[in-house]
PDB file of all heavy atoms in Angstrom:
ATOM      1  N   GLN A   1     -17.276 -41.357   3.047  1.00  0.00           N
ATOM      2  CA  GLN A   1     -15.944 -41.954   3.102  1.00  0.00           C
ATOM      3  C   GLN A   1     -15.561 -42.550   4.449  1.00  0.00           C
ATOM      4  O   GLN A   1     -14.670 -43.390   4.529  1.00  0.00           O
ATOM      5  CB  GLN A   1     -14.889 -40.894   2.724  1.00  0.00           C
ATOM      6  CG  GLN A   1     -14.983 -40.397   1.306  1.00  0.00           C
ATOM      7  CD  GLN A   1     -14.581 -41.448   0.295  1.00  0.00           C
ATOM      8  OE1 GLN A   1     -13.512 -42.038   0.386  1.00  0.00           O
ATOM      9  NE2 GLN A   1     -15.445 -41.672  -0.698  1.00  0.00           N
ATOM     10  N   ARG A   2     -16.223 -42.133   5.525  1.00  0.00           N
ATOM     11  CA  ARG A   2     -15.750 -42.535   6.850  1.00  0.00           C
ATOM     12  C   ARG A   2     -15.858 -44.033   7.087  1.00  0.00           C
ATOM     13  O   ARG A   2     -15.147 -44.579   7.936  1.00  0.00           O
ATOM     14  CB  ARG A   2     -16.503 -41.793   7.945  1.00  0.00           C
ATOM     15  CG  ARG A   2     -18.002 -42.098   8.044  1.00  0.00           C
ATOM     16  CD  ARG A   2     -18.646 -41.212   9.084  1.00  0.00           C
ATOM     17  NE  ARG A   2     -20.073 -41.418   9.213  1.00  0.00           N
ATOM     18  CZ  ARG A   2     -20.670 -41.736  10.354  1.00  0.00           C
ATOM     19  NH1 ARG A   2     -19.950 -41.914  11.448  1.00  0.00           N
ATOM     20  NH2 ARG A   2     -21.976 -41.878  10.404  1.00  0.00           N
ATOM     21  N   TRP A   3     -16.725 -44.731   6.352  1.00  0.00           N
ATOM     22  CA  TRP A   3     -16.875 -46.168   6.555  1.00  0.00           C
ATOM     23  C   TRP A   3     -15.799 -46.963   5.822  1.00  0.00           C
ATOM     24  O   TRP A   3     -15.470 -48.078   6.221  1.00  0.00           O
ATOM     25  CB  TRP A   3     -18.257 -46.634   6.079  1.00  0.00           C
ATOM     26  CG  TRP A   3     -19.386 -45.874   6.704  1.00  0.00           C
ATOM     27  CD1 TRP A   3     -20.202 -44.963   6.097  1.00  0.00           C
ATOM     28  CD2 TRP A   3     -19.810 -45.936   8.066  1.00  0.00           C
ATOM     29  NE1 TRP A   3     -21.111 -44.453   6.981  1.00  0.00           N
ATOM     30  CE2 TRP A   3     -20.904 -45.042   8.200  1.00  0.00           C
ATOM     31  CE3 TRP A   3     -19.394 -46.662   9.178  1.00  0.00           C
ATOM     32  CZ2 TRP A   3     -21.572 -44.851   9.407  1.00  0.00           C
ATOM     33  CZ3 TRP A   3     -20.065 -46.475  10.379  1.00  0.00           C
ATOM     34  CH2 TRP A   3     -21.134 -45.585  10.489  1.00  0.00           C
ATOM     35  N   THR A   4     -15.267 -46.419   4.743  1.00  0.00           N
ATOM     36  CA  THR A   4     -14.337 -47.175   3.898  1.00  0.00           C
ATOM     37  C   THR A   4     -12.955 -46.555   3.786  1.00  0.00           C
ATOM     38  O   THR A   4     -12.028 -47.221   3.339  1.00  0.00           O
ATOM     39  CB  THR A   4     -14.926 -47.314   2.479  1.00  0.00           C
ATOM     40  OG1 THR A   4     -15.173 -46.007   1.936  1.00  0.00           O
ATOM     41  CG2 THR A   4     -16.248 -48.083   2.515  1.00  0.00           C
ATOM     42  N   ASN A   5     -12.818 -45.297   4.174  1.00  0.00           N
ATOM     43  CA  ASN A   5     -11.539 -44.591   4.007  1.00  0.00           C
ATOM     44  C   ASN A   5     -10.948 -44.308   5.384  1.00  0.00           C
ATOM     45  O   ASN A   5     -11.464 -43.479   6.140  1.00  0.00           O
ATOM     46  CB  ASN A   5     -11.767 -43.285   3.235  1.00  0.00           C
ATOM     47  CG  ASN A   5     -10.479 -42.659   2.755  1.00  0.00           C
ATOM     48  OD1 ASN A   5      -9.421 -42.860   3.348  1.00  0.00           O
ATOM     49  ND2 ASN A   5     -10.567 -41.894   1.678  1.00  0.00           N
ATOM     50  N   THR A   6      -9.871 -44.971   5.718  1.00  0.00           N
ATOM     51  CA  THR A   6      -9.261 -44.814   7.043  1.00  0.00           C
ATOM     52  C   THR A   6      -8.675 -43.427   7.258  1.00  0.00           C
ATOM     53  O   THR A   6      -8.418 -43.038   8.409  1.00  0.00           O
ATOM     54  CB  THR A   6      -8.141 -45.857   7.236  1.00  0.00           C
ATOM     55  OG1 THR A   6      -7.167 -45.710   6.181  1.00  0.00           O
ATOM     56  CG2 THR A   6      -8.705 -47.276   7.194  1.00  0.00           C
ATOM     57  N   LYS A   7      -8.480 -42.671   6.196  1.00  0.00           N
ATOM     58  CA  LYS A   7      -7.903 -41.331   6.326  1.00  0.00           C
ATOM     59  C   LYS A   7      -8.952 -40.269   6.643  1.00  0.00           C
ATOM     60  O   LYS A   7      -8.605 -39.124   6.940  1.00  0.00           O
ATOM     61  CB  LYS A   7      -7.156 -40.963   5.043  1.00  0.00           C
ATOM     62  CG  LYS A   7      -5.938 -41.856   4.785  1.00  0.00           C
ATOM     63  CD  LYS A   7      -5.209 -41.437   3.534  1.00  0.00           C
ATOM     64  CE  LYS A   7      -3.987 -42.312   3.293  1.00  0.00           C
ATOM     65  NZ  LYS A   7      -3.262 -41.930   2.048  1.00  0.00           N
ATOM     66  N   ILE A   8     -10.229 -40.614   6.538  1.00  0.00           N
ATOM     67  CA  ILE A   8     -11.316 -39.691   6.873  1.00  0.00           C
ATOM     68  C   ILE A   8     -11.924 -40.162   8.182  1.00  0.00           C
ATOM     69  O   ILE A   8     -12.817 -41.012   8.211  1.00  0.00           O
ATOM     70  CB  ILE A   8     -12.391 -39.645   5.766  1.00  0.00           C
ATOM     71  CG1 ILE A   8     -11.769 -39.271   4.417  1.00  0.00           C
ATOM     72  CG2 ILE A   8     -13.484 -38.654   6.141  1.00  0.00           C
ATOM     73  CD1 ILE A   8     -11.238 -37.865   4.332  1.00  0.00           C
ATOM     74  N   GLY A   9     -11.423 -39.622   9.289  1.00  0.00           N
ATOM     75  CA  GLY A   9     -11.879 -40.062  10.603  1.00  0.00           C
ATOM     76  C   GLY A   9     -12.860 -39.121  11.262  1.00  0.00           C
ATOM     77  O   GLY A   9     -13.608 -39.519  12.160  1.00  0.00           O
ATOM     78  N   ASN A  10     -12.879 -37.837  10.838  1.00  0.00           N
ATOM     79  CA  ASN A  10     -13.785 -36.857  11.425  1.00  0.00           C
ATOM     80  C   ASN A  10     -13.980 -35.710  10.434  1.00  0.00           C
ATOM     81  O   ASN A  10     -13.435 -35.725   9.326  1.00  0.00           O
ATOM     82  CB  ASN A  10     -13.224 -36.339  12.758  1.00  0.00           C
ATOM     83  CG  ASN A  10     -11.789 -35.852  12.627  1.00  0.00           C
ATOM     84  OD1 ASN A  10     -11.487 -34.980  11.810  1.00  0.00           O
ATOM     85  ND2 ASN A  10     -10.890 -36.441  13.412  1.00  0.00           N
ATOM     86  N   TYR A  11     -14.747 -34.709  10.858  1.00  0.00           N
ATOM     87  CA  TYR A  11     -15.053 -33.599   9.958  1.00  0.00           C
ATOM     88  C   TYR A  11     -13.812 -32.786   9.596  1.00  0.00           C
ATOM     89  O   TYR A  11     -13.744 -32.215   8.503  1.00  0.00           O
ATOM     90  CB  TYR A  11     -16.113 -32.690  10.591  1.00  0.00           C
ATOM     91  CG  TYR A  11     -17.504 -32.946  10.088  1.00  0.00           C
ATOM     92  CD1 TYR A  11     -18.257 -33.995  10.606  1.00  0.00           C
ATOM     93  CD2 TYR A  11     -18.074 -32.169   9.092  1.00  0.00           C
ATOM     94  CE1 TYR A  11     -19.538 -34.253  10.155  1.00  0.00           C
ATOM     95  CE2 TYR A  11     -19.348 -32.415   8.633  1.00  0.00           C
ATOM     96  CZ  TYR A  11     -20.078 -33.458   9.163  1.00  0.00           C
ATOM     97  OH  TYR A  11     -21.340 -33.707   8.684  1.00  0.00           O
ATOM     98  N   ILE A  12     -12.868 -32.721  10.501  1.00  0.00           N
ATOM     99  CA  ILE A  12     -11.660 -31.944  10.194  1.00  0.00           C
ATOM    100  C   ILE A  12     -10.896 -32.587   9.041  1.00  0.00           C
ATOM    101  O   ILE A  12     -10.392 -31.892   8.144  1.00  0.00           O
ATOM    102  CB  ILE A  12     -10.764 -31.816  11.440  1.00  0.00           C
ATOM    103  CG1 ILE A  12     -11.512 -31.107  12.557  1.00  0.00           C
ATOM    104  CG2 ILE A  12      -9.482 -31.065  11.097  1.00  0.00           C
ATOM    105  CD1 ILE A  12     -12.016 -29.728  12.201  1.00  0.00           C
ATOM    106  N   ASP A  13     -10.790 -33.916   9.040  1.00  0.00           N
ATOM    107  CA  ASP A  13     -10.146 -34.610   7.925  1.00  0.00           C
ATOM    108  C   ASP A  13     -10.891 -34.321   6.626  1.00  0.00           C
ATOM    109  O   ASP A  13     -10.263 -34.062   5.583  1.00  0.00           O
ATOM    110  CB  ASP A  13     -10.127 -36.120   8.176  1.00  0.00           C
ATOM    111  CG  ASP A  13      -9.267 -36.507   9.363  1.00  0.00           C
ATOM    112  OD1 ASP A  13      -8.339 -35.738   9.694  1.00  0.00           O
ATOM    113  OD2 ASP A  13      -9.516 -37.574   9.957  1.00  0.00           O
ATOM    114  N   ALA A  14     -12.225 -34.390   6.692  1.00  0.00           N
ATOM    115  CA  ALA A  14     -13.026 -34.138   5.489  1.00  0.00           C
ATOM    116  C   ALA A  14     -12.885 -32.684   5.037  1.00  0.00           C
ATOM    117  O   ALA A  14     -12.795 -32.405   3.834  1.00  0.00           O
ATOM    118  CB  ALA A  14     -14.490 -34.468   5.764  1.00  0.00           C
ATOM    119  N   LEU A  15     -12.863 -31.746   5.991  1.00  0.00           N
ATOM    120  CA  LEU A  15     -12.683 -30.337   5.657  1.00  0.00           C
ATOM    121  C   LEU A  15     -11.312 -30.093   5.036  1.00  0.00           C
ATOM    122  O   LEU A  15     -11.178 -29.356   4.059  1.00  0.00           O
ATOM    123  CB  LEU A  15     -12.857 -29.481   6.912  1.00  0.00           C
ATOM    124  CG  LEU A  15     -12.611 -27.976   6.748  1.00  0.00           C
ATOM    125  CD1 LEU A  15     -13.617 -27.369   5.781  1.00  0.00           C
ATOM    126  CD2 LEU A  15     -12.703 -27.272   8.106  1.00  0.00           C
ATOM    127  N   TYR A  16     -10.302 -30.733   5.589  1.00  0.00           N
ATOM    128  CA  TYR A  16      -8.930 -30.601   5.064  1.00  0.00           C
ATOM    129  C   TYR A  16      -8.878 -31.047   3.604  1.00  0.00           C
ATOM    130  O   TYR A  16      -8.304 -30.359   2.749  1.00  0.00           O
ATOM    131  CB  TYR A  16      -7.983 -31.429   5.924  1.00  0.00           C
ATOM    132  CG  TYR A  16      -6.586 -31.566   5.376  1.00  0.00           C
ATOM    133  CD1 TYR A  16      -5.681 -30.507   5.447  1.00  0.00           C
ATOM    134  CD2 TYR A  16      -6.152 -32.757   4.795  1.00  0.00           C
ATOM    135  CE1 TYR A  16      -4.395 -30.631   4.954  1.00  0.00           C
ATOM    136  CE2 TYR A  16      -4.872 -32.891   4.297  1.00  0.00           C
ATOM    137  CZ  TYR A  16      -3.999 -31.824   4.374  1.00  0.00           C
ATOM    138  OH  TYR A  16      -2.718 -31.951   3.881  1.00  0.00           O
ATOM    139  N   PHE A  17      -9.476 -32.198   3.316  1.00  0.00           N
ATOM    140  CA  PHE A  17      -9.481 -32.674   1.932  1.00  0.00           C
ATOM    141  C   PHE A  17     -10.261 -31.718   1.036  1.00  0.00           C
ATOM    142  O   PHE A  17      -9.829 -31.412  -0.081  1.00  0.00           O
ATOM    143  CB  PHE A  17     -10.089 -34.074   1.827  1.00  0.00           C
ATOM    144  CG  PHE A  17     -10.318 -34.480   0.395  1.00  0.00           C
ATOM    145  CD1 PHE A  17      -9.277 -34.963  -0.373  1.00  0.00           C
ATOM    146  CD2 PHE A  17     -11.566 -34.314  -0.202  1.00  0.00           C
ATOM    147  CE1 PHE A  17      -9.467 -35.299  -1.713  1.00  0.00           C
ATOM    148  CE2 PHE A  17     -11.771 -34.637  -1.531  1.00  0.00           C
ATOM    149  CZ  PHE A  17     -10.718 -35.138  -2.293  1.00  0.00           C
ATOM    150  N   THR A  18     -11.423 -31.247   1.513  1.00  0.00           N
ATOM    151  CA  THR A  18     -12.253 -30.365   0.699  1.00  0.00           C
ATOM    152  C   THR A  18     -11.507 -29.095   0.314  1.00  0.00           C
ATOM    153  O   THR A  18     -11.531 -28.666  -0.847  1.00  0.00           O
ATOM    154  CB  THR A  18     -13.551 -30.003   1.453  1.00  0.00           C
ATOM    155  OG1 THR A  18     -14.264 -31.201   1.771  1.00  0.00           O
ATOM    156  CG2 THR A  18     -14.435 -29.107   0.613  1.00  0.00           C
ATOM    157  N   ILE A  19     -10.814 -28.496   1.281  1.00  0.00           N
ATOM    158  CA  ILE A  19     -10.054 -27.272   1.004  1.00  0.00           C
ATOM    159  C   ILE A  19      -8.898 -27.571   0.052  1.00  0.00           C
ATOM    160  O   ILE A  19      -8.617 -26.794  -0.870  1.00  0.00           O
ATOM    161  CB  ILE A  19      -9.528 -26.649   2.312  1.00  0.00           C
ATOM    162  CG1 ILE A  19     -10.695 -26.223   3.209  1.00  0.00           C
ATOM    163  CG2 ILE A  19      -8.638 -25.450   2.007  1.00  0.00           C
ATOM    164  CD1 ILE A  19     -11.573 -25.156   2.628  1.00  0.00           C
ATOM    165  N   ALA A  20      -8.218 -28.696   0.259  1.00  0.00           N
ATOM    166  CA  ALA A  20      -7.097 -29.053  -0.613  1.00  0.00           C
ATOM    167  C   ALA A  20      -7.570 -29.271  -2.045  1.00  0.00           C
ATOM    168  O   ALA A  20      -6.905 -28.857  -3.007  1.00  0.00           O
ATOM    169  CB  ALA A  20      -6.404 -30.312  -0.085  1.00  0.00           C
ATOM    170  N   ALA A  21      -8.735 -29.908  -2.210  1.00  0.00           N
ATOM    171  CA  ALA A  21      -9.268 -30.144  -3.552  1.00  0.00           C
ATOM    172  C   ALA A  21      -9.769 -28.841  -4.167  1.00  0.00           C
ATOM    173  O   ALA A  21      -9.553 -28.580  -5.349  1.00  0.00           O
ATOM    174  CB  ALA A  21     -10.398 -31.167  -3.494  1.00  0.00           C
ATOM    175  N   LEU A  22     -10.428 -28.014  -3.367  1.00  0.00           N
ATOM    176  CA  LEU A  22     -10.979 -26.758  -3.862  1.00  0.00           C
ATOM    177  C   LEU A  22      -9.877 -25.838  -4.377  1.00  0.00           C
ATOM    178  O   LEU A  22     -10.028 -25.187  -5.409  1.00  0.00           O
ATOM    179  CB  LEU A  22     -11.778 -26.081  -2.755  1.00  0.00           C
ATOM    180  CG  LEU A  22     -12.520 -24.791  -3.064  1.00  0.00           C
ATOM    181  CD1 LEU A  22     -13.755 -24.690  -2.172  1.00  0.00           C
ATOM    182  CD2 LEU A  22     -11.636 -23.562  -2.816  1.00  0.00           C
ATOM    183  N   THR A  23      -8.775 -25.782  -3.658  1.00  0.00           N
ATOM    184  CA  THR A  23      -7.663 -24.906  -4.065  1.00  0.00           C
ATOM    185  C   THR A  23      -6.747 -25.581  -5.070  1.00  0.00           C
ATOM    186  O   THR A  23      -5.754 -24.984  -5.478  1.00  0.00           O
ATOM    187  CB  THR A  23      -6.849 -24.487  -2.831  1.00  0.00           C
ATOM    188  OG1 THR A  23      -6.358 -25.662  -2.161  1.00  0.00           O
ATOM    189  CG2 THR A  23      -7.701 -23.681  -1.864  1.00  0.00           C
ATOM    190  N   THR A  24      -7.081 -26.815  -5.452  1.00  0.00           N
ATOM    191  CA  THR A  24      -6.275 -27.636  -6.372  1.00  0.00           C
ATOM    192  C   THR A  24      -4.854 -27.827  -5.863  1.00  0.00           C
ATOM    193  O   THR A  24      -3.935 -28.041  -6.654  1.00  0.00           O
ATOM    194  CB  THR A  24      -6.257 -27.043  -7.800  1.00  0.00           C
ATOM    195  OG1 THR A  24      -5.551 -25.791  -7.809  1.00  0.00           O
ATOM    196  CG2 THR A  24      -7.659 -26.840  -8.329  1.00  0.00           C
ATOM    197  N   THR A  25      -4.670 -27.712  -4.534  1.00  0.00           N
ATOM    198  CA  THR A  25      -3.336 -27.929  -3.961  1.00  0.00           C
ATOM    199  C   THR A  25      -2.926 -29.390  -4.114  1.00  0.00           C
ATOM    200  O   THR A  25      -1.790 -29.692  -4.497  1.00  0.00           O
ATOM    201  CB  THR A  25      -3.326 -27.545  -2.471  1.00  0.00           C
ATOM    202  OG1 THR A  25      -3.764 -26.187  -2.353  1.00  0.00           O
ATOM    203  CG2 THR A  25      -1.937 -27.688  -1.888  1.00  0.00           C
ATOM    204  N   GLY A  26      -3.842 -30.301  -3.770  1.00  0.00           N
ATOM    205  CA  GLY A  26      -3.596 -31.715  -3.979  1.00  0.00           C
ATOM    206  C   GLY A  26      -2.381 -32.258  -3.253  1.00  0.00           C
ATOM    207  O   GLY A  26      -1.438 -32.739  -3.872  1.00  0.00           O
ATOM    208  N   PHE A  27      -2.354 -32.171  -1.918  1.00  0.00           N
ATOM    209  CA  PHE A  27      -1.208 -32.674  -1.166  1.00  0.00           C
ATOM    210  C   PHE A  27      -1.023 -34.180  -1.348  1.00  0.00           C
ATOM    211  O   PHE A  27       0.087 -34.686  -1.271  1.00  0.00           O
ATOM    212  CB  PHE A  27      -1.376 -32.362   0.326  1.00  0.00           C
ATOM    213  CG  PHE A  27      -1.301 -30.890   0.629  1.00  0.00           C
ATOM    214  CD1 PHE A  27      -2.395 -30.207   1.104  1.00  0.00           C
ATOM    215  CD2 PHE A  27      -0.124 -30.194   0.417  1.00  0.00           C
ATOM    216  CE1 PHE A  27      -2.328 -28.858   1.384  1.00  0.00           C
ATOM    217  CE2 PHE A  27      -0.041 -28.839   0.694  1.00  0.00           C
ATOM    218  CZ  PHE A  27      -1.148 -28.160   1.176  1.00  0.00           C
ATOM    219  N   GLY A  28      -2.112 -34.914  -1.542  1.00  0.00           N
ATOM    220  CA  GLY A  28      -2.007 -36.343  -1.779  1.00  0.00           C
ATOM    221  C   GLY A  28      -2.002 -37.208  -0.544  1.00  0.00           C
ATOM    222  O   GLY A  28      -2.032 -38.435  -0.653  1.00  0.00           O
ATOM    223  N   ASP A  29      -1.960 -36.596   0.661  1.00  0.00           N
ATOM    224  CA  ASP A  29      -1.967 -37.408   1.876  1.00  0.00           C
ATOM    225  C   ASP A  29      -3.349 -37.956   2.186  1.00  0.00           C
ATOM    226  O   ASP A  29      -3.495 -38.969   2.858  1.00  0.00           O
ATOM    227  CB  ASP A  29      -1.436 -36.606   3.070  1.00  0.00           C
ATOM    228  CG  ASP A  29      -2.138 -35.265   3.226  1.00  0.00           C
ATOM    229  OD1 ASP A  29      -2.794 -34.834   2.271  1.00  0.00           O
ATOM    230  OD2 ASP A  29      -2.026 -34.662   4.306  1.00  0.00           O
ATOM    231  N   ILE A  30      -4.411 -37.282   1.693  1.00  0.00           N
ATOM    232  CA  ILE A  30      -5.772 -37.792   1.811  1.00  0.00           C
ATOM    233  C   ILE A  30      -6.400 -37.785   0.428  1.00  0.00           C
ATOM    234  O   ILE A  30      -6.429 -36.750  -0.248  1.00  0.00           O
ATOM    235  CB  ILE A  30      -6.629 -36.937   2.761  1.00  0.00           C
ATOM    236  CG1 ILE A  30      -6.053 -36.957   4.184  1.00  0.00           C
ATOM    237  CG2 ILE A  30      -8.068 -37.440   2.787  1.00  0.00           C
ATOM    238  CD1 ILE A  30      -6.844 -36.132   5.178  1.00  0.00           C
ATOM    239  N   THR A  31      -6.890 -38.938  -0.005  1.00  0.00           N
ATOM    240  CA  THR A  31      -7.579 -39.038  -1.282  1.00  0.00           C
ATOM    241  C   THR A  31      -8.878 -39.809  -1.086  1.00  0.00           C
ATOM    242  O   THR A  31      -8.996 -40.612  -0.159  1.00  0.00           O
ATOM    243  CB  THR A  31      -6.722 -39.761  -2.331  1.00  0.00           C
ATOM    244  OG1 THR A  31      -6.357 -41.056  -1.833  1.00  0.00           O
ATOM    245  CG2 THR A  31      -5.462 -38.968  -2.647  1.00  0.00           C
ATOM    246  N   LEU A  32      -9.862 -39.548  -1.935  1.00  0.00           N
ATOM    247  CA  LEU A  32     -11.128 -40.249  -1.863  1.00  0.00           C
ATOM    248  C   LEU A  32     -11.079 -41.495  -2.730  1.00  0.00           C
ATOM    249  O   LEU A  32     -10.483 -41.487  -3.807  1.00  0.00           O
ATOM    250  CB  LEU A  32     -12.275 -39.339  -2.316  1.00  0.00           C
ATOM    251  CG  LEU A  32     -12.456 -38.037  -1.548  1.00  0.00           C
ATOM    252  CD1 LEU A  32     -13.790 -37.388  -1.908  1.00  0.00           C
ATOM    253  CD2 LEU A  32     -12.359 -38.244  -0.044  1.00  0.00           C
ATOM    254  N   THR A  33     -11.706 -42.548  -2.253  1.00  0.00           N
ATOM    255  CA  THR A  33     -11.664 -43.830  -2.941  1.00  0.00           C
ATOM    256  C   THR A  33     -12.975 -44.117  -3.642  1.00  0.00           C
ATOM    257  O   THR A  33     -14.028 -43.593  -3.271  1.00  0.00           O
ATOM    258  CB  THR A  33     -11.371 -44.968  -1.940  1.00  0.00           C
ATOM    259  OG1 THR A  33     -12.407 -44.979  -0.931  1.00  0.00           O
ATOM    260  CG2 THR A  33     -10.031 -44.751  -1.255  1.00  0.00           C
ATOM    261  N   GLY A  34     -12.902 -44.966  -4.650  1.00  0.00           N
ATOM    262  CA  GLY A  34     -14.097 -45.401  -5.352  1.00  0.00           C
ATOM    263  C   GLY A  34     -14.595 -44.384  -6.362  1.00  0.00           C
ATOM    264  O   GLY A  34     -14.149 -43.230  -6.392  1.00  0.00           O
ATOM    265  N   THR A  35     -15.528 -44.825  -7.192  1.00  0.00           N
ATOM    266  CA  THR A  35     -16.092 -43.956  -8.232  1.00  0.00           C
ATOM    267  C   THR A  35     -16.786 -42.742  -7.638  1.00  0.00           C
ATOM    268  O   THR A  35     -16.621 -41.616  -8.116  1.00  0.00           O
ATOM    269  CB  THR A  35     -17.089 -44.750  -9.096  1.00  0.00           C
ATOM    270  OG1 THR A  35     -16.418 -45.879  -9.682  1.00  0.00           O
ATOM    271  CG2 THR A  35     -17.657 -43.871 -10.202  1.00  0.00           C
ATOM    272  N   LEU A  36     -17.566 -42.961  -6.575  1.00  0.00           N
ATOM    273  CA  LEU A  36     -18.258 -41.843  -5.930  1.00  0.00           C
ATOM    274  C   LEU A  36     -17.264 -40.844  -5.373  1.00  0.00           C
ATOM    275  O   LEU A  36     -17.456 -39.629  -5.495  1.00  0.00           O
ATOM    276  CB  LEU A  36     -19.172 -42.359  -4.814  1.00  0.00           C
ATOM    277  CG  LEU A  36     -19.938 -41.289  -4.022  1.00  0.00           C
ATOM    278  CD1 LEU A  36     -20.838 -40.489  -4.950  1.00  0.00           C
ATOM    279  CD2 LEU A  36     -20.753 -41.923  -2.901  1.00  0.00           C
ATOM    280  N   GLY A  37     -16.195 -41.329  -4.747  1.00  0.00           N
ATOM    281  CA  GLY A  37     -15.172 -40.435  -4.199  1.00  0.00           C
ATOM    282  C   GLY A  37     -14.514 -39.594  -5.280  1.00  0.00           C
ATOM    283  O   GLY A  37     -14.281 -38.388  -5.096  1.00  0.00           O
TER     284      GLY A  37
END
């Protein structure tokens, strides 16, 4: 995602999204784009 998603700038951003998705919290401030995302 780091090449196409401006919200994923480093590992902390990616970790934040992973935890939010894993817990199904879904804050919505970071989302993955595209079919692969």
